[in-house]
Amino acid sequence: MDAFYASVEQRDNPALKGKPVIVGSPPPQRGVVAAASYEARKFGVRSAMPSVTAGRLCPKGVFLRPRMEAYRNESHEIMAIVQEFAGELIQQVSVDEAYMDVSAPHQGATADECLELSLLLSRRIKAAIHERRQLSATIGIAPNKLLAKLASDFQKPDGLTLIRDSEKVSSLKPLPVRSLHGVGKVTEEILHRAGLRTVGDLQNHPGDLRALVGSWGPELKRFAFGEDDRPLDLDDEVKSIGNENTCLRDTDDRPTLRACLREQAEDVAQGLAKRRLAARTVQVKLRYGGFTSLTRQISMEEPLTEAKEIYRLGCWLLARGKLVNRPLRLLGLGVSGLVEAQASQLSLSLEG
């Protein structure tokens, strides 16, 4: 879906059409941005950015509080439409994104002809979503998940892109290495230092990529040629990554708790990087001396991978609810709403 949270708000309130909509707390309340419309993105506004920064970049931005229940309900409606056309082979990876396997064989058809048959199906899905929900979707068609995800990012918003099997190598060749699944800032810098700037450079590299990126080298090489054999994950179990610590003594000492959160954010971010995942939801868990427990969470439209962002949102959740109002026995930090990392990666240095 295109700018999903903000698009739902613009649909439900036509007066917001064409305006820079920012879903999140208003700047005076020192909140964070959960999502931004394309009009707001032109000013540099992005998810997880402090609202005060967004307000500075986009002074005419319209700030709206998130309506997560409305977005979840809308997601159910949209996925039901998708299921009408694609059947049961759907992997929903977030509230607004899914993979569909429509690779039923057609007798006598080539691989490219089978893919081209999906164009009509995709147009029908897009039209149904637009007619029934008044929202736009962008679809990528390709032989595998790697390329389908890449294709879905090419012509946003309201796009439709086909990457044919016969064209996948040439299509990838001019793209920057950052375009490939799992290549983020750290890996990009390593590859650039080795003179590898485009996917074509990776295709032509005569050496073993393991010397640069470790055990991931062979898979990165396959990705560079558009090869990806990962099946759809049809397991509906909620997946999350988290860490929690029980204090030796109940404490409400802020420096101690911040240090704990920093370490947990590092651990969570490393877990995301190891699995090449990103997260849309950050959650804190607390237990007080009387064993009373509570959790608070916030969801972003754009997924997160960096330790500093996970840490900052954890701190914000604690501060927003004034949760450290008495000594804590346990503090935990976790993420959920996991999706495949795309052009983003762990940053292990925390500032401030």
Protein backbone atom coordinates (compact mmCIF):
# COMPACT_ATOMS: atom_id res chain seq x y z
CA MET A 1 0.00 0.00 0.00
CA ASP A 2 1.12 3.57 -0.69
CA ALA A 3 1.84 5.76 2.38
CA PHE A 4 -0.74 3.60 4.13
CA TYR A 5 -1.47 5.37 7.43
CA ALA A 6 -1.47 8.83 5.84
CA SER A 7 -3.51 7.65 2.84
CA VAL A 8 -6.21 6.27 5.14
CA GLU A 9 -6.35 9.64 6.90
CA GLN A 10 -6.58 11.53 3.60
CA ARG A 11 -9.34 9.22 2.37
CA ASP A 12 -11.35 9.56 5.57
CA ASN A 13 -10.98 13.34 5.55
CA PRO A 14 -11.01 14.67 1.95
CA ALA A 15 -9.92 18.10 3.21
CA LEU A 16 -6.47 16.55 3.75
CA LYS A 17 -6.01 15.51 0.10
CA GLY A 18 -2.82 17.02 -1.30
CA LYS A 19 -1.66 18.25 2.09
CA PRO A 20 1.49 17.15 3.96
CA VAL A 21 -0.04 14.77 6.47
CA ILE A 22 2.16 13.59 9.34
CA VAL A 23 0.80 10.79 11.52
CA GLY A 24 2.23 11.20 15.01
CA SER A 25 2.24 13.41 18.06
CA PRO A 26 2.39 17.18 17.39
CA PRO A 27 5.77 18.90 17.89
CA PRO A 28 4.92 20.63 21.19
CA GLN A 29 4.38 17.23 22.82
CA ARG A 30 7.83 15.95 21.83
CA GLY A 31 6.44 12.90 20.07
CA VAL A 32 7.60 10.89 17.06
CA VAL A 33 6.43 10.46 13.48
CA ALA A 34 4.67 7.16 12.75
CA ALA A 35 4.05 7.85 9.05
CA ALA A 36 4.14 10.64 6.47
CA SER A 37 2.24 11.29 3.26
CA TYR A 38 4.16 11.70 0.01
CA GLU A 39 3.55 15.44 0.25
CA ALA A 40 5.32 15.48 3.65
CA ARG A 41 8.12 13.20 2.47
CA LYS A 42 9.14 15.84 -0.07
CA PHE A 43 10.24 17.95 2.90
CA GLY A 44 12.39 15.10 4.30
CA VAL A 45 9.90 13.88 6.90
CA ARG A 46 10.18 10.16 7.69
CA SER A 47 9.02 7.59 10.20
CA ALA A 48 10.64 7.51 13.67
CA MET A 49 11.80 11.13 13.28
CA PRO A 50 11.13 13.35 16.34
CA SER A 51 7.98 15.36 15.74
CA VAL A 52 9.81 18.59 16.58
CA THR A 53 12.23 17.87 13.70
CA ALA A 54 9.35 17.09 11.34
CA GLY A 55 7.66 20.33 12.34
CA ARG A 56 10.84 22.25 11.58
CA LEU A 57 11.26 20.58 8.15
CA CYS A 58 7.58 20.88 7.25
CA PRO A 59 6.08 23.85 9.13
CA LYS A 60 2.75 23.51 7.30
CA GLY A 61 2.48 19.80 8.07
CA VAL A 62 -0.85 18.53 9.40
CA PHE A 63 -0.15 16.37 12.47
CA LEU A 64 -2.67 13.64 13.30
CA ARG A 65 -2.60 11.14 16.11
CA PRO A 66 -2.30 7.51 14.91
CA ARG A 67 -5.49 5.45 14.74
CA MET A 68 -3.94 1.99 14.83
CA GLU A 69 -7.27 0.20 15.13
CA ALA A 70 -8.49 1.91 11.96
CA TYR A 71 -5.32 0.92 10.10
CA ARG A 72 -5.59 -2.69 11.28
CA ASN A 73 -9.22 -2.87 10.21
CA GLU A 74 -8.33 -1.41 6.83
CA SER A 75 -5.56 -3.98 6.49
CA HIS A 76 -8.04 -6.82 7.07
CA GLU A 77 -10.29 -5.44 4.32
CA ILE A 78 -7.44 -5.12 1.85
CA MET A 79 -5.98 -8.56 2.55
CA ALA A 80 -9.45 -10.06 2.09
CA ILE A 81 -9.57 -8.50 -1.37
CA VAL A 82 -6.12 -9.88 -2.17
CA GLN A 83 -7.19 -13.32 -1.01
CA GLU A 84 -10.17 -13.26 -3.38
CA PHE A 85 -7.77 -13.04 -6.31
CA ALA A 86 -4.68 -14.89 -5.07
CA GLY A 87 -6.12 -17.70 -2.95
CA GLU A 88 -4.39 -18.99 0.17
CA LEU A 89 -0.74 -18.59 -0.88
CA ILE A 90 -0.25 -15.20 0.76
CA GLN A 91 2.51 -14.17 3.14
CA GLN A 92 1.47 -10.98 4.90
CA VAL A 93 4.66 -9.34 6.11
CA SER A 94 3.16 -6.22 7.68
CA VAL A 95 -0.08 -4.31 8.03
CA ASP A 96 0.25 -3.01 4.46
CA GLU A 97 2.47 -5.44 2.56
CA ALA A 98 2.22 -9.03 1.38
CA TYR A 99 3.70 -11.55 -1.06
CA MET A 100 1.38 -13.60 -3.29
CA ASP A 101 2.44 -16.83 -4.99
CA VAL A 102 0.47 -17.07 -8.25
CA SER A 103 2.95 -19.30 -10.05
CA ALA A 104 0.49 -21.96 -11.22
CA PRO A 105 2.00 -23.53 -14.37
CA HIS A 106 0.42 -22.89 -17.75
CA GLN A 107 0.96 -25.67 -20.28
CA GLY A 108 3.32 -24.68 -23.05
CA ALA A 109 4.01 -21.21 -21.59
CA THR A 110 7.52 -19.93 -20.96
CA ALA A 111 8.57 -18.47 -17.61
CA ASP A 112 8.20 -14.96 -18.98
CA GLU A 113 4.76 -15.71 -20.45
CA CYS A 114 3.59 -17.01 -17.06
CA LEU A 115 4.78 -13.78 -15.45
CA GLU A 116 3.05 -11.67 -18.08
CA LEU A 117 -0.23 -13.46 -17.34
CA SER A 118 0.04 -11.99 -13.84
CA LEU A 119 -0.22 -8.45 -15.20
CA LEU A 120 -3.96 -8.80 -15.72
CA LEU A 121 -4.40 -10.25 -12.22
CA SER A 122 -2.38 -7.40 -10.71
CA ARG A 123 -4.43 -4.76 -12.51
CA ARG A 124 -7.62 -6.37 -11.23
CA ILE A 125 -6.30 -6.38 -7.64
CA LYS A 126 -5.27 -2.73 -7.87
CA ALA A 127 -8.64 -1.78 -9.36
CA ALA A 128 -10.57 -3.68 -6.69
CA ILE A 129 -8.63 -2.01 -3.87
CA HIS A 130 -9.16 1.40 -5.45
CA GLU A 131 -12.88 0.87 -6.09
CA ARG A 132 -13.75 -0.73 -2.76
CA ARG A 133 -11.35 1.02 -0.40
CA GLN A 134 -10.46 4.25 -2.30
CA LEU A 135 -6.75 3.60 -1.74
CA SER A 136 -3.84 2.94 -4.10
CA ALA A 137 -1.46 -0.01 -4.10
CA THR A 138 1.82 -0.64 -5.88
CA ILE A 139 2.58 -4.17 -7.13
CA GLY A 140 5.80 -5.81 -8.28
CA ILE A 141 5.75 -8.99 -10.41
CA ALA A 142 8.86 -11.16 -10.68
CA PRO A 143 10.11 -14.77 -10.55
CA ASN A 144 10.94 -14.58 -6.82
CA LYS A 145 10.57 -12.60 -3.60
CA LEU A 146 13.82 -10.67 -3.99
CA LEU A 147 12.85 -9.24 -7.36
CA ALA A 148 9.14 -8.80 -6.58
CA LYS A 149 10.00 -6.61 -3.58
CA LEU A 150 12.46 -4.63 -5.69
CA ALA A 151 9.87 -4.19 -8.44
CA SER A 152 7.28 -2.96 -5.94
CA ASP A 153 9.55 -0.03 -5.03
CA PHE A 154 10.17 1.16 -8.61
CA GLN A 155 7.06 3.17 -9.50
CA LYS A 156 5.42 4.28 -6.25
CA PRO A 157 2.76 5.45 -5.80
CA ASP A 158 0.09 3.49 -7.71
CA GLY A 159 2.70 1.56 -9.68
CA LEU A 160 2.92 -1.80 -11.46
CA THR A 161 6.31 -3.20 -12.50
CA LEU A 162 7.20 -6.54 -14.11
CA ILE A 163 10.73 -7.95 -14.00
CA ARG A 164 10.89 -10.81 -16.52
CA ASP A 165 13.02 -13.86 -15.81
CA SER A 166 14.97 -13.30 -19.02
CA GLU A 167 15.68 -9.67 -18.06
CA LYS A 168 16.56 -10.02 -14.38
CA VAL A 169 20.35 -9.95 -14.78
CA SER A 170 20.35 -6.95 -17.12
CA SER A 171 17.71 -5.16 -15.02
CA LEU A 172 19.82 -5.47 -11.89
CA LYS A 173 23.15 -4.55 -13.51
CA PRO A 174 22.90 -0.71 -13.30
CA LEU A 175 21.33 -0.57 -9.84
CA PRO A 176 23.39 0.49 -6.78
CA VAL A 177 24.44 -2.35 -4.48
CA ARG A 178 22.21 -0.80 -1.80
CA SER A 179 19.18 -1.94 -3.84
CA LEU A 180 19.72 -5.59 -2.94
CA HIS A 181 17.91 -7.15 0.02
CA GLY A 182 20.12 -7.11 3.11
CA VAL A 183 22.64 -4.53 1.86
CA GLY A 184 22.57 -1.56 4.20
CA LYS A 185 24.92 1.21 5.23
CA VAL A 186 27.63 -0.96 6.73
CA THR A 187 27.74 -3.52 3.91
CA GLU A 188 27.47 -0.77 1.31
CA GLU A 189 30.56 0.95 2.73
CA ILE A 190 32.51 -2.31 2.69
CA LEU A 191 31.57 -2.99 -0.92
CA HIS A 192 32.32 0.59 -1.98
CA ARG A 193 35.80 0.36 -0.46
CA ALA A 194 36.36 -2.72 -2.63
CA GLY A 195 35.27 -0.77 -5.73
CA LEU A 196 31.89 -2.51 -5.94
CA ARG A 197 29.25 0.17 -6.44
CA THR A 198 26.66 -1.38 -8.74
CA VAL A 199 24.99 -4.78 -8.86
CA GLY A 200 26.82 -5.24 -12.16
CA ASP A 201 30.11 -4.87 -10.26
CA LEU A 202 29.01 -7.72 -7.99
CA GLN A 203 28.04 -9.84 -11.00
CA ASN A 204 31.48 -9.30 -12.57
CA HIS A 205 33.53 -9.62 -9.37
CA PRO A 206 35.94 -12.53 -9.89
CA GLY A 207 36.82 -13.03 -6.24
CA ASP A 208 35.03 -14.69 -3.35
CA LEU A 209 32.65 -12.19 -1.72
CA ARG A 210 33.10 -13.99 1.59
CA ALA A 211 36.39 -12.10 1.92
CA LEU A 212 34.27 -8.92 2.15
CA VAL A 213 30.97 -9.88 3.76
CA GLY A 214 31.70 -13.22 5.44
CA SER A 215 29.43 -16.22 5.11
CA TRP A 216 26.76 -14.13 3.40
CA GLY A 217 28.99 -13.82 0.31
CA PRO A 218 27.53 -16.71 -1.75
CA GLU A 219 23.94 -15.57 -1.13
CA LEU A 220 24.82 -11.97 -2.01
CA LYS A 221 26.31 -13.24 -5.29
CA ARG A 222 23.09 -15.13 -6.06
CA PHE A 223 21.04 -12.05 -5.25
CA ALA A 224 23.19 -10.04 -7.68
CA PHE A 225 22.08 -12.39 -10.46
CA GLY A 226 18.44 -12.21 -9.35
CA GLU A 227 18.42 -15.73 -7.88
CA ASP A 228 16.32 -16.28 -4.75
CA ASP A 229 14.79 -19.60 -3.71
CA ARG A 230 13.14 -18.44 -0.48
CA PRO A 231 9.57 -19.77 -0.30
CA LEU A 232 6.63 -17.91 1.16
CA ASP A 233 6.45 -18.13 4.94
CA LEU A 234 2.83 -19.09 5.57
CA ASP A 235 3.26 -19.36 9.34
CA ASP A 236 0.91 -16.86 11.02
CA GLU A 237 2.73 -16.99 14.38
CA VAL A 238 3.65 -13.54 15.66
CA LYS A 239 7.42 -13.08 15.51
CA SER A 240 9.38 -10.74 17.74
CA ILE A 241 12.89 -10.07 19.03
CA GLY A 242 13.46 -8.77 22.53
CA ASN A 243 15.60 -8.65 25.61
CA GLU A 244 14.82 -8.02 29.25
CA ASN A 245 16.81 -7.67 32.45
CA THR A 246 15.84 -8.27 36.06
CA CYS A 247 17.56 -5.75 38.34
CA LEU A 248 19.66 -6.99 41.24
CA ARG A 249 17.87 -4.36 43.30
CA ASP A 250 14.72 -2.49 42.37
CA THR A 251 15.80 0.84 40.92
CA ASP A 252 14.47 4.03 39.39
CA ASP A 253 17.94 5.45 38.71
CA ARG A 254 17.70 7.03 35.23
CA PRO A 255 21.34 6.55 34.14
CA THR A 256 21.17 2.89 35.13
CA LEU A 257 17.92 2.33 33.25
CA ARG A 258 19.14 4.21 30.17
CA ALA A 259 22.31 2.10 30.10
CA CYS A 260 20.15 -1.01 30.32
CA LEU A 261 17.98 0.17 27.42
CA ARG A 262 21.07 0.95 25.33
CA GLU A 263 22.43 -2.57 25.78
CA GLN A 264 19.03 -4.07 24.98
CA ALA A 265 18.70 -1.92 21.85
CA GLU A 266 22.13 -3.09 20.69
CA ASP A 267 21.15 -6.71 21.30
CA VAL A 268 17.82 -6.35 19.48
CA ALA A 269 19.42 -4.56 16.52
CA GLN A 270 22.05 -7.29 16.25
CA GLY A 271 19.27 -9.87 16.20
CA LEU A 272 17.55 -7.99 13.38
CA ALA A 273 20.79 -7.66 11.40
CA LYS A 274 21.63 -11.35 11.82
CA ARG A 275 18.27 -12.31 10.33
CA ARG A 276 18.30 -9.42 7.83
CA LEU A 277 15.03 -8.11 9.23
CA ALA A 278 13.55 -4.76 10.15
CA ALA A 279 10.80 -3.97 12.67
CA ARG A 280 7.76 -1.74 12.61
CA THR A 281 6.84 -1.90 16.29
CA VAL A 282 8.93 -1.10 19.38
CA GLN A 283 7.75 -2.25 22.80
CA VAL A 284 8.89 -1.70 26.38
CA LYS A 285 8.03 -4.00 29.27
CA LEU A 286 8.22 -3.06 32.96
CA ARG A 287 7.72 -4.86 36.21
CA TYR A 288 7.56 -2.95 39.47
CA GLY A 289 8.58 -4.09 42.92
CA GLY A 290 5.10 -5.42 43.66
CA PHE A 291 5.28 -7.60 40.52
CA THR A 292 2.82 -5.39 38.67
CA SER A 293 3.75 -5.58 34.97
CA LEU A 294 2.83 -3.47 31.96
CA THR A 295 3.85 -3.00 28.33
CA ARG A 296 3.67 -0.05 25.98
CA GLN A 297 4.38 0.02 22.25
CA ILE A 298 4.49 2.26 19.21
CA SER A 299 4.26 1.28 15.54
CA MET A 300 5.98 2.95 12.59
CA GLU A 301 4.95 2.78 8.95
CA GLU A 302 8.58 2.57 7.82
CA PRO A 303 10.55 -0.30 9.40
CA LEU A 304 13.49 0.27 11.74
CA THR A 305 16.84 -1.51 12.03
CA GLU A 306 19.15 0.89 13.86
CA ALA A 307 19.95 0.47 17.54
CA LYS A 308 19.85 4.22 18.16
CA GLU A 309 16.29 4.50 16.82
CA ILE A 310 15.06 1.50 18.82
CA TYR A 311 16.70 2.95 21.95
CA ARG A 312 15.24 6.41 21.36
CA LEU A 313 11.72 5.06 20.88
CA GLY A 314 12.09 2.92 24.01
CA CYS A 315 13.07 6.01 26.01
CA TRP A 316 10.18 7.94 24.50
CA LEU A 317 7.67 5.25 25.50
CA LEU A 318 8.91 5.37 29.09
CA ALA A 319 8.81 9.17 29.18
CA ARG A 320 5.44 9.51 27.47
CA GLY A 321 3.64 7.49 30.10
CA LYS A 322 5.87 8.64 32.99
CA LEU A 323 6.29 4.93 33.67
CA VAL A 324 9.38 5.14 35.87
CA ASN A 325 7.38 6.55 38.77
CA ARG A 326 8.72 4.02 41.26
CA PRO A 327 11.58 1.49 41.35
CA LEU A 328 11.59 -1.19 38.65
CA ARG A 329 12.28 -4.88 39.19
CA LEU A 330 12.48 -5.64 35.45
CA LEU A 331 12.96 -3.66 32.23
CA GLY A 332 12.58 -5.08 28.73
CA LEU A 333 12.82 -3.78 25.18
CA GLY A 334 11.61 -5.60 22.08
CA VAL A 335 10.46 -5.27 18.49
CA SER A 336 7.78 -6.95 16.40
CA GLY A 337 6.04 -6.44 13.08
CA LEU A 338 9.13 -7.93 11.47
CA VAL A 339 9.71 -7.49 7.75
CA GLU A 340 12.65 -8.10 5.44
CA ALA A 341 15.25 -5.35 5.76
CA GLN A 342 15.44 -3.21 2.66
CA ALA A 343 18.24 -0.72 2.10
CA SER A 344 18.75 -0.32 5.83
CA GLN A 345 21.01 -1.98 8.35
CA LEU A 346 22.22 -1.99 11.88
CA SER A 347 24.20 0.97 13.16
CA LEU A 348 26.06 -0.16 16.25
CA SER A 349 27.03 3.28 17.53
CA LEU A 350 24.64 5.10 19.82
CA GLU A 351 24.88 8.84 20.32
CA GLY A 352 24.12 10.99 23.33
